[in-house]
Amino acid sequence: MPRQSSTWVAGAEGRGRGRGTRKHVVVVGAGILGVSIAYQLALGGAQVTVLDKQEPGAGCTQGAFAMIIASLPYASEEFSKLYGLAAGEWHALEAQIDEPLPTQWGGVVNWAAPGPKAEELAAQTARLERWGSKVQRLIEDDVGRLVPGAVPGAFGAGNFLSDWGAIDLHKTFEILLRRAKDLGVTFRTPLEVTGISVANSGAAVVEGGHEAIDADSVVVAAGAGSPDLTRHLGARVPLRLQSGTLAYSKPMPPTLNRVLNGPSGSIRQNPDGRIVTALDYAPGADGHDTGEAYGRALLARTVQVVPALAGIELDKVTVGHVPIPKDSQPVTGFCDPRKTIYVAVMMSGITMAPLMGRLIATEVLGQPVQLLEAYRPERFSTSKL
């Protein structure tokens, strides 16, 4: 199998090289997590190459509803606080790149019709209040106050999460991709990685596209493809797929500055005026319908909630398939004793990308991060199941 040209850093020589030589890291996966990791690695002085079987952003990133989640009321308090850190990192990233990101910080308005879902929402609100999270209980009239003109319909319970946000994912990804390239990150796509091995020296060899690429370290951030690429190294990364259909409208006049999440689905408006809505993005969902009729039906639901959207027209429909770790928590850590191959799979990858990108890059460049200790792949080892 032919080797990559001499412009690549040879992994076998990389360990123990002089101080003037940059570490070469291959990142497998060009979604928002992989690109965030690559960007932070390059900031840290590494030579970075990103490989993906698709073009950057074409995987599950493309199908995400793209909320920035700042708390998690159905998990532990500790895990919820991780989300708060992750949401705050979006502000830090914007300051770091010194360029406005198309983020929206109007918060999220949640409500449910009377019944079990309303009872659960009320319980979640109480839990967030105990934790000191930014949450406000709502009565029915509050929905119209927070979102002028909104008609919630049957109302059983609600809350307002003021520190949650949303992003125009396509434009945000373009900015991050450009900044990574500005730092010298090389993207080789489409190129499917078929194998990763570790030599006795600790160097890595990544195989794909009928060639072998040497590296000092490899980060596997390949979403649903991560288990197959790391299993032979002894890592168990059990995943489940969550999927859903998104409908995008053609641009509309500015109407919404908050995300709405109610019985008719989730609704938001991008800065470019496009309405984005989803009904079936939920644990266990199996979204698959990309037909125009279904897309128009989703948009029709938005008009029921926000009558000002009357006349809305469908632009496109997408389906996202999002891999979620079995226990719904991140998987971050090295797969091999030499600490050469690192695996990264997220729950809520959009929210987590800036924070985890920075922390994972820190670990790959040699500095352990205590915050990530709870999320090592070893927790799925056979002896612990």
Protein backbone atom coordinates (compact mmCIF):
# COMPACT_ATOMS: atom_id res chain seq x y z
CA MET A 1 0.00 0.00 0.00
CA PRO A 2 1.62 3.30 -1.02
CA ARG A 3 2.57 5.79 1.63
CA GLN A 4 1.56 9.40 1.71
CA SER A 5 4.08 11.91 0.36
CA SER A 6 6.92 13.32 2.44
CA THR A 7 4.95 16.45 3.25
CA TRP A 8 3.12 14.39 5.86
CA VAL A 9 4.71 14.07 9.29
CA ALA A 10 5.83 10.49 9.81
CA GLY A 11 4.37 9.21 13.06
CA ALA A 12 7.22 6.81 13.79
CA GLU A 13 9.59 9.75 13.88
CA GLY A 14 7.16 12.13 15.52
CA ARG A 15 7.47 10.85 19.07
CA GLY A 16 10.59 12.25 20.61
CA ARG A 17 11.28 14.74 17.84
CA GLY A 18 12.93 18.05 18.52
CA ARG A 19 10.96 20.94 19.97
CA GLY A 20 10.70 22.66 16.61
CA THR A 21 8.65 19.88 14.97
CA ARG A 22 4.85 19.97 15.10
CA LYS A 23 2.78 17.02 16.17
CA HIS A 24 0.68 15.58 13.36
CA VAL A 25 -2.89 14.69 14.33
CA VAL A 26 -5.42 13.07 12.01
CA VAL A 27 -9.06 13.76 12.84
CA VAL A 28 -11.51 11.25 11.38
CA GLY A 29 -14.84 13.01 10.97
CA ALA A 30 -15.64 16.40 9.47
CA GLY A 31 -18.83 17.22 11.34
CA ILE A 32 -19.02 20.14 13.71
CA LEU A 33 -17.34 18.16 16.49
CA GLY A 34 -14.44 17.01 14.32
CA VAL A 35 -13.91 20.47 12.86
CA SER A 36 -14.05 22.03 16.34
CA ILE A 37 -11.40 19.59 17.56
CA ALA A 38 -9.25 20.25 14.49
CA TYR A 39 -9.54 24.02 14.97
CA GLN A 40 -8.46 23.81 18.61
CA LEU A 41 -5.62 21.40 17.81
CA ALA A 42 -4.30 23.82 15.21
CA LEU A 43 -4.54 26.67 17.71
CA GLY A 44 -2.43 24.51 20.01
CA GLY A 45 0.29 24.22 17.39
CA ALA A 46 -0.47 20.83 15.85
CA GLN A 47 -0.39 19.94 12.19
CA VAL A 48 -3.90 18.67 11.54
CA THR A 49 -5.47 16.63 8.76
CA VAL A 50 -9.20 15.92 8.67
CA LEU A 51 -10.57 12.90 6.80
CA ASP A 52 -14.19 12.04 6.08
CA LYS A 53 -16.02 9.83 3.62
CA GLN A 54 -18.35 12.77 2.91
CA GLU A 55 -17.81 16.47 2.43
CA PRO A 56 -17.46 18.54 5.63
CA GLY A 57 -20.74 18.91 7.48
CA ALA A 58 -22.61 16.42 5.31
CA GLY A 59 -23.28 13.87 8.06
CA CYS A 60 -25.51 14.23 11.10
CA THR A 61 -24.42 17.86 11.45
CA GLN A 62 -26.56 18.71 8.43
CA GLY A 63 -29.70 17.30 9.99
CA ALA A 64 -29.48 18.85 13.46
CA PHE A 65 -32.15 21.21 14.81
CA ALA A 66 -29.23 23.20 16.25
CA MET A 67 -30.39 24.31 19.67
CA ILE A 68 -27.77 25.32 22.23
CA ILE A 69 -28.84 23.50 25.39
CA ALA A 70 -27.80 25.13 28.67
CA SER A 71 -29.39 22.69 31.13
CA LEU A 72 -30.70 19.14 31.18
CA PRO A 73 -33.57 18.67 33.63
CA TYR A 74 -34.00 14.93 33.07
CA ALA A 75 -30.38 14.10 33.94
CA SER A 76 -28.20 14.56 37.02
CA GLU A 77 -27.37 18.01 38.35
CA GLU A 78 -23.69 17.47 37.55
CA PHE A 79 -24.44 16.56 33.95
CA SER A 80 -26.82 19.49 33.60
CA LYS A 81 -24.05 21.83 34.73
CA LEU A 82 -21.82 20.44 31.98
CA TYR A 83 -24.41 21.72 29.52
CA GLY A 84 -24.24 25.14 31.14
CA LEU A 85 -20.48 25.17 30.59
CA ALA A 86 -20.97 24.04 27.00
CA ALA A 87 -23.47 26.79 26.23
CA GLY A 88 -21.13 29.37 27.70
CA GLU A 89 -18.32 28.11 25.50
CA TRP A 90 -20.24 29.32 22.44
CA HIS A 91 -19.78 32.87 23.73
CA ALA A 92 -16.09 32.17 24.34
CA LEU A 93 -15.66 30.78 20.82
CA GLU A 94 -17.21 33.88 19.29
CA ALA A 95 -14.81 36.07 21.26
CA GLN A 96 -11.87 33.84 20.32
CA ILE A 97 -12.44 33.98 16.58
CA ASP A 98 -13.34 37.68 16.81
CA GLU A 99 -16.15 37.29 14.31
CA PRO A 100 -19.90 37.38 14.90
CA LEU A 101 -21.54 33.96 14.79
CA PRO A 102 -25.17 33.57 13.68
CA THR A 103 -26.25 32.54 17.17
CA GLN A 104 -29.52 33.54 18.80
CA TRP A 105 -29.84 33.86 22.55
CA GLY A 106 -33.55 34.57 22.96
CA GLY A 107 -34.10 31.46 25.04
CA VAL A 108 -36.55 28.59 24.62
CA VAL A 109 -40.26 28.63 25.45
CA ASN A 110 -41.51 25.15 26.39
CA TRP A 111 -45.09 24.10 27.05
CA ALA A 112 -47.23 20.98 27.07
CA ALA A 113 -50.93 20.21 26.87
CA PRO A 114 -52.68 19.03 30.05
CA GLY A 115 -51.78 15.48 30.97
CA PRO A 116 -48.67 13.40 31.72
CA LYS A 117 -46.34 15.52 29.58
CA ALA A 118 -47.40 18.67 31.44
CA GLU A 119 -46.82 16.93 34.76
CA GLU A 120 -43.35 15.88 33.67
CA LEU A 121 -42.54 19.38 32.41
CA ALA A 122 -43.63 20.85 35.75
CA ALA A 123 -41.41 18.35 37.56
CA GLN A 124 -38.47 19.26 35.34
CA THR A 125 -39.05 22.95 36.05
CA ALA A 126 -38.99 22.27 39.79
CA ARG A 127 -35.77 20.30 39.40
CA LEU A 128 -34.08 23.14 37.53
CA GLU A 129 -35.24 25.61 40.16
CA ARG A 130 -33.62 23.50 42.90
CA TRP A 131 -30.39 23.45 40.91
CA GLY A 132 -30.36 27.21 40.49
CA SER A 133 -30.70 27.04 36.71
CA LYS A 134 -32.12 29.92 34.71
CA VAL A 135 -35.74 28.81 34.44
CA GLN A 136 -39.06 30.62 34.75
CA ARG A 137 -42.43 28.93 35.29
CA LEU A 138 -45.05 29.98 32.75
CA ILE A 139 -48.79 30.33 32.69
CA GLU A 140 -50.67 30.32 29.41
CA ASP A 141 -50.62 34.10 28.94
CA ASP A 142 -46.83 34.14 29.29
CA VAL A 143 -46.38 32.37 25.95
CA GLY A 144 -47.95 35.29 24.07
CA ARG A 145 -45.93 37.74 26.16
CA LEU A 146 -42.63 36.07 25.34
CA VAL A 147 -43.58 35.39 21.72
CA PRO A 148 -46.04 38.08 20.61
CA GLY A 149 -48.89 36.60 18.61
CA ALA A 150 -48.18 32.99 19.58
CA VAL A 151 -51.20 30.75 20.21
CA PRO A 152 -50.16 27.82 22.42
CA GLY A 153 -53.48 25.96 22.32
CA ALA A 154 -54.34 23.68 25.21
CA PHE A 155 -51.89 24.58 28.00
CA GLY A 156 -51.01 22.43 30.98
CA ALA A 157 -47.56 23.64 32.04
CA GLY A 158 -44.65 25.59 30.65
CA ASN A 159 -41.28 27.11 31.32
CA PHE A 160 -38.87 29.60 29.80
CA LEU A 161 -35.17 28.77 29.63
CA SER A 162 -33.52 32.13 29.09
CA ASP A 163 -29.93 30.94 28.64
CA TRP A 164 -30.68 28.47 25.86
CA GLY A 165 -30.04 29.46 22.28
CA ALA A 166 -29.91 28.32 18.69
CA ILE A 167 -27.56 28.70 15.75
CA ASP A 168 -27.76 28.90 12.00
CA LEU A 169 -25.75 25.73 11.74
CA HIS A 170 -24.87 25.96 8.05
CA LYS A 171 -23.37 29.44 8.34
CA THR A 172 -21.72 28.74 11.68
CA PHE A 173 -20.11 25.63 10.26
CA GLU A 174 -18.83 27.60 7.26
CA ILE A 175 -17.16 30.11 9.59
CA LEU A 176 -15.53 27.43 11.73
CA LEU A 177 -14.40 25.51 8.65
CA ARG A 178 -12.84 28.64 7.18
CA ARG A 179 -11.07 29.49 10.43
CA ALA A 180 -9.67 25.96 10.68
CA LYS A 181 -8.32 26.21 7.14
CA ASP A 182 -6.84 29.62 7.93
CA LEU A 183 -4.85 27.91 10.69
CA GLY A 184 -3.49 25.38 8.21
CA VAL A 185 -5.84 22.45 8.80
CA THR A 186 -5.93 20.19 5.74
CA PHE A 187 -9.23 18.60 4.72
CA ARG A 188 -9.16 15.49 2.56
CA THR A 189 -12.72 14.67 1.62
CA PRO A 190 -14.32 12.52 0.48
CA LEU A 191 -11.93 9.85 1.74
CA GLU A 192 -13.26 6.86 3.64
CA VAL A 193 -11.08 5.58 6.46
CA THR A 194 -11.01 1.79 6.43
CA GLY A 195 -8.62 1.09 9.29
CA ILE A 196 -6.47 2.54 12.05
CA SER A 197 -3.50 0.78 13.61
CA VAL A 198 -0.86 1.58 16.21
CA ALA A 199 2.77 0.55 15.74
CA ASN A 200 5.04 -0.62 18.55
CA SER A 201 6.60 2.83 18.49
CA GLY A 202 3.23 4.34 19.37
CA ALA A 203 2.78 5.90 15.94
CA ALA A 204 -0.54 5.59 14.18
CA VAL A 205 -1.30 4.55 10.63
CA VAL A 206 -4.63 5.53 9.11
CA GLU A 207 -5.69 3.56 6.05
CA GLY A 208 -8.08 4.88 3.45
CA GLY A 209 -8.34 5.69 -0.21
CA HIS A 210 -5.69 3.06 -1.11
CA GLU A 211 -3.02 4.78 0.95
CA ALA A 212 -1.63 4.78 4.47
CA ILE A 213 -1.24 8.03 6.37
CA ASP A 214 1.18 8.29 9.29
CA ALA A 215 0.26 10.35 12.34
CA ASP A 216 1.36 10.92 15.90
CA SER A 217 -2.24 10.81 17.15
CA VAL A 218 -5.67 10.09 15.72
CA VAL A 219 -8.98 11.47 16.93
CA VAL A 220 -11.99 9.40 15.86
CA ALA A 221 -15.00 11.74 15.77
CA ALA A 222 -16.84 9.82 13.07
CA GLY A 223 -20.26 9.64 14.69
CA ALA A 224 -21.99 6.35 13.93
CA GLY A 225 -18.79 5.09 12.30
CA SER A 226 -16.70 5.47 15.46
CA PRO A 227 -17.41 2.03 17.01
CA ASP A 228 -16.21 0.11 13.94
CA LEU A 229 -13.02 2.17 13.71
CA THR A 230 -12.06 1.66 17.36
CA ARG A 231 -13.43 -1.80 18.25
CA HIS A 232 -10.25 -3.63 17.25
CA LEU A 233 -8.35 -1.47 19.73
CA GLY A 234 -10.47 -2.81 22.57
CA ALA A 235 -12.88 0.11 22.81
CA ARG A 236 -16.62 -0.50 23.21
CA VAL A 237 -18.68 2.49 22.14
CA PRO A 238 -22.33 1.35 22.09
CA LEU A 239 -24.55 3.79 20.24
CA ARG A 240 -28.20 4.19 19.34
CA LEU A 241 -29.50 6.32 16.49
CA GLN A 242 -31.94 9.17 17.01
CA SER A 243 -33.44 10.59 13.88
CA GLY A 244 -35.90 13.19 12.79
CA THR A 245 -37.17 15.22 9.87
CA LEU A 246 -36.57 18.95 9.56
CA ALA A 247 -38.57 21.28 7.33
CA TYR A 248 -37.04 24.58 6.20
CA SER A 249 -39.11 27.42 4.83
CA LYS A 250 -38.14 30.03 2.32
CA PRO A 251 -37.06 33.27 4.03
CA MET A 252 -39.78 35.03 6.01
CA PRO A 253 -39.88 38.49 7.62
CA PRO A 254 -38.34 38.56 11.13
CA THR A 255 -40.95 37.01 13.41
CA LEU A 256 -39.30 34.82 16.06
CA ASN A 257 -36.36 35.58 18.30
CA ARG A 258 -36.93 32.60 20.57
CA VAL A 259 -37.23 28.85 20.06
CA LEU A 260 -40.72 27.45 20.61
CA ASN A 261 -41.11 23.89 21.80
CA GLY A 262 -44.69 22.70 22.24
CA PRO A 263 -47.17 20.00 21.20
CA SER A 264 -46.92 21.09 17.55
CA GLY A 265 -43.17 20.54 17.51
CA SER A 266 -40.08 22.71 17.76
CA ILE A 267 -39.96 25.97 15.82
CA ARG A 268 -37.22 28.54 15.32
CA GLN A 269 -36.20 31.15 12.78
CA ASN A 270 -32.71 31.49 11.39
CA PRO A 271 -31.15 34.94 11.07
CA ASP A 272 -31.66 34.65 7.30
CA GLY A 273 -35.42 34.44 7.86
CA ARG A 274 -35.89 30.72 7.26
CA ILE A 275 -38.23 28.92 9.64
CA VAL A 276 -36.92 25.54 10.80
CA THR A 277 -39.31 23.08 12.41
CA ALA A 278 -39.27 19.49 13.60
CA LEU A 279 -41.87 17.23 15.11
CA ASP A 280 -40.23 13.86 15.54
CA TYR A 281 -36.79 14.68 16.98
CA ALA A 282 -37.22 12.74 20.20
CA PRO A 283 -35.54 9.74 21.84
CA GLY A 284 -36.52 6.65 19.91
CA ALA A 285 -37.87 8.60 16.95
CA ASP A 286 -37.37 7.23 13.46
CA GLY A 287 -37.72 10.13 11.10
CA HIS A 288 -37.42 9.16 7.46
CA ASP A 289 -39.98 11.12 5.43
CA THR A 290 -38.41 13.80 3.22
CA GLY A 291 -41.43 14.24 0.98
CA GLU A 292 -42.74 17.69 0.14
CA ALA A 293 -46.17 16.83 1.51
CA TYR A 294 -44.74 16.02 4.92
CA GLY A 295 -42.59 19.15 4.85
CA ARG A 296 -45.61 21.32 4.08
CA ALA A 297 -47.55 19.60 6.86
CA LEU A 298 -44.79 20.45 9.33
CA LEU A 299 -44.82 24.09 8.24
CA ALA A 300 -48.61 24.20 8.51
CA ARG A 301 -48.26 23.31 12.18
CA THR A 302 -46.10 26.39 12.71
CA VAL A 303 -48.91 28.61 11.44
CA GLN A 304 -51.25 27.12 14.03
CA VAL A 305 -48.86 28.30 16.74
CA VAL A 306 -47.69 31.54 15.10
CA PRO A 307 -50.44 32.85 12.79
CA ALA A 308 -48.08 35.58 11.54
CA LEU A 309 -46.33 32.83 9.55
CA ALA A 310 -49.33 32.46 7.24
CA GLY A 311 -48.18 32.10 3.64
CA ILE A 312 -45.05 30.18 4.64
CA GLU A 313 -43.49 28.21 1.75
CA LEU A 314 -41.41 25.07 1.88
CA ASP A 315 -37.78 25.28 0.81
CA LYS A 316 -36.42 21.83 1.69
CA VAL A 317 -36.77 18.82 3.96
CA THR A 318 -33.86 16.99 5.58
CA VAL A 319 -33.50 13.92 7.76
CA GLY A 320 -30.83 13.73 10.42
CA HIS A 321 -29.53 10.53 12.00
CA VAL A 322 -27.76 11.41 15.22
CA PRO A 323 -25.68 8.78 17.07
CA ILE A 324 -26.18 8.88 20.83
CA PRO A 325 -24.00 6.95 23.31
CA LYS A 326 -25.92 4.17 25.07
CA ASP A 327 -26.04 6.02 28.39
CA SER A 328 -26.71 9.41 26.74
CA GLN A 329 -23.39 10.84 27.93
CA PRO A 330 -20.27 11.81 25.97
CA VAL A 331 -17.56 9.31 25.17
CA THR A 332 -14.13 10.94 25.34
CA GLY A 333 -10.81 9.22 25.82
CA PHE A 334 -7.92 7.20 24.46
CA CYS A 335 -8.58 3.68 23.19
CA ASP A 336 -5.10 2.20 23.45
CA PRO A 337 -2.46 1.89 26.19
CA ARG A 338 -0.05 4.17 24.31
CA LYS A 339 -2.65 6.94 24.20
CA THR A 340 -2.43 7.34 20.46
CA ILE A 341 -6.05 6.86 19.34
CA TYR A 342 -8.73 9.05 20.91
CA VAL A 343 -12.47 8.52 20.44
CA ALA A 344 -15.05 11.29 20.76
CA VAL A 345 -18.81 10.77 20.47
CA MET A 346 -21.27 13.29 21.82
CA MET A 347 -24.73 13.59 23.20
CA SER A 348 -25.95 16.97 21.88
CA GLY A 349 -23.02 17.45 19.54
CA ILE A 350 -24.01 20.97 18.47
CA THR A 351 -24.14 22.21 22.04
CA MET A 352 -20.97 20.42 23.06
CA ALA A 353 -18.77 21.09 20.03
CA PRO A 354 -16.88 24.22 21.18
CA LEU A 355 -16.30 23.01 24.76
CA MET A 356 -15.41 19.46 23.85
CA GLY A 357 -13.32 20.63 20.92
CA ARG A 358 -11.14 22.63 23.28
CA LEU A 359 -10.96 20.00 26.04
CA ILE A 360 -10.30 17.08 23.70
CA ALA A 361 -7.57 19.01 21.90
CA THR A 362 -5.99 19.73 25.28
CA GLU A 363 -5.87 16.02 26.09
CA VAL A 364 -4.58 14.97 22.68
CA LEU A 365 -1.78 17.51 23.04
CA GLY A 366 -0.74 15.90 26.30
CA GLN A 367 -2.61 17.50 29.19
CA PRO A 368 -5.31 15.42 30.93
CA VAL A 369 -8.61 17.17 31.69
CA GLN A 370 -10.28 16.18 34.95
CA LEU A 371 -13.72 17.22 33.69
CA LEU A 372 -13.59 14.43 31.07
CA GLU A 373 -12.70 11.61 33.47
CA ALA A 374 -16.34 10.61 33.93
CA TYR A 375 -16.80 10.04 30.20
CA ARG A 376 -14.05 7.56 29.34
CA PRO A 377 -14.85 4.68 26.95
CA GLU A 378 -13.68 2.21 29.61
CA ARG A 379 -17.06 2.54 31.34
CA PHE A 380 -18.47 0.31 28.60
CA SER A 381 -15.89 -2.44 29.03
CA THR A 382 -17.32 -5.95 29.32
CA SER A 383 -16.15 -6.28 32.92
CA LYS A 384 -18.23 -3.26 33.93
CA LEU A 385 -21.47 -4.24 32.18
